[in-house]
Amino acid sequence: MNIQDLIAADIKKSLVDSGITITIQPTVHRTKNLKLGHYQSNTIIKIANILKKNAYQLSQIIVNNMKKKYIYEKIEIAKPGFINFFLKLQWLSTQLEESLYSSRLNISIPKPQTIVIDYSSPNIAKEMHVGHLRSTIIGDATARMLEFLGHNVIRVNHIGDWGMQFGMLIAYLEKYKDISLTNNVSLLDLENVYKKSKKKYDTDILFKALSRKYLIKLQTGDEYCRKIWNNLITITLKHNEKIYNKLDVTLKNIHIMGESSYNNILPNIVDDLIKKNIATSYKGSIIVFLEEFKNRNNKTMGVIIQKQDTGYLYSTIDIACIKYRCEILHPDKILYYTDSRQYQYLKQIQKIAKKAGYIPDHVNIEHHIFGMILSKNRRPFKTRLGKNIKLYALLEEGVKRAKNIIRKKNPYLSETKICKLANIIGIGAIKYADLSKNRITDYIFNWDQMLSFEGNTAPYIQYAYARIMSIFKKSKHVISKSKYNIYLSEKYEIELALTLLQFEETIFISANQGTPHIMCNYLYKLSVVFSSFYENCSILFSTTQEVLHSRLKLSSLTAKTIQVGLYILGINTVHSM
């Protein structure tokens, strides 16, 4: 039940019934003080200004029509034109009952769309580092939320499995034979080879020529080069799979569609862009000039799609990628989760694809950019030696720190239980610390803060869930669907009820905008509100059976909402901590 939308629709209908046409959608929000109402709208002031009417008088017209609706206990107007809505407690109770016994928390399902989500996208022959965390978990959280809402979500892991780095790697492996890919080679071994080959490529003209030779052989289908290339990919994917499993993200190998997937259609893309007068030859290269984009000198920027040596670039691959997704996957929407530094580049690629007619008018493409993870000195989060922190090492450190905290809090737990809890709490803490920050901003990485059992952290919310589980363990009561209904009288019960019913409002905003931090803030607020309810409203020692079962139901729905909310963020719950 989306109460915001329900009230907004009532306001709009009231205006229409009064013969007033509006062009803006009324907005509604929760009040901070229950004495002022449960919900409030100040849109009428804006509408009145547009219509050149008195806001207070317009509000009176709306209220007179809406008072007839069965869901409102009363509606009040505050000057100059604020409308405060008090909902009937019995109606709220009915909505809570429906949510409690619904597998989906009674969330309405919108018209399903096909949505392609491009996220994670690591490179081959390199270990994933901390910079890959945000793309991976923010993209995954959005995929989970959209899927929960009934959309057809197509996950795509656009891995960097093509390009000059493979010419360099094959050339180095053949020339120096540092390692054999037939042995138990680790991804770290490959990364060391990559670093050596890159250094050689940048300083040795003969090695650069050799690298280009092997790249051409790979691109033209040389069997031996393809075999080495496949081995490099296999070794990398095995390592990445360990990280995905540890992070509990829903990306699998079936979702991989790397840069190499589009290799065969690149010549057609270039020819088509030339034919449509979108691309032109310039100093031996094929370039698309975009009047919409200017450089620092206010000159038109160009995007190279084919080099002088006839080689293709990432731009060519990304244009081909958009064309393929629109023609084959038939999406309504395509979402990219990328570093903020790639925003302009992706807008340029989108503009070229749009000019070429590769993107149908109904397809919406969104770039969900994100900021960087910083250390305490507000610089990119790296080791003391200035190297990128490996993602797997970061996750292991999180689990290790969680183990130490759990041992101190629960010294009598078995090692098996400690390890299980540490994985859930440690990984959950890292993910939540990232997801709870607005994705467009940078944030400072802080171990102590993210593993704290206080404040807006995963352990705090997981503890709220565990506390509710302990209530049911002690009570031994079975909640009956028909015997006792939820009854709201205390302000703490009403506040908890209203917060619980905000879940649908929250998930729609969070999923549609790709902003998991909104869901995180909601779950934290719900946990805080439940804590106040728990401390001020006796549950197990309630005065009557009716009150007991009502409060158990509120507690049960709170636990269910927390569990679902954390699940769609990719975080697990525990029954005890």
Foldseek 3Di string as FASTA:
>chain_A
DAVQVVVQVLLQVLCVVVVHDDDDGWGKDADPDCVQAGMKTPCLVVRCVVVVHQQCVSLVSSQVSCVPDPQFPHWDADPSHMIHTHGDQVVLLVLLLVLLPDPLSPFAADDAFEEEEEFLAEEFLAFAFPFSQQRQLLSLLLQLLSVSSPYNYQYARAYHLADLLLLLLVLQCVPPVPDDLVDPDASVNSNVSSVVSVVCCVPPPVSVVSSVVLNVCVLVPPPVSVVVSVSRRVNRVVNVVVLCVLLLGPDDPVNYDYLVNQSVCLVVLLVLCVVLVQWDDDPQFIWGWDLVDADPVRDTDIDTQADNVRDGDVLSSVLSVLLCCCVPVVGQEYEYEEAPVCVVVVVVSVVSSVSSVSHDPRYYYYYQHFYAEAAPVRHGDDDPVPHGHRSVVQLVVLLVVQLVVCCVVCVPDDPVVSSVVSSQLSSQLVLQVSLLDFGHDYYHDDSCVSNDCDDLHPNVLLQLLLVLLVVCVVQVDDQDSPPATADDDDPLRVVLSSLLVCLSVQSVVCNVSSRSSSLSVSSRVNSVSVVVCPVPPPASPHPDPNSNSNVNSSSSSNSSSSQSSSVSSSHHHDNHD
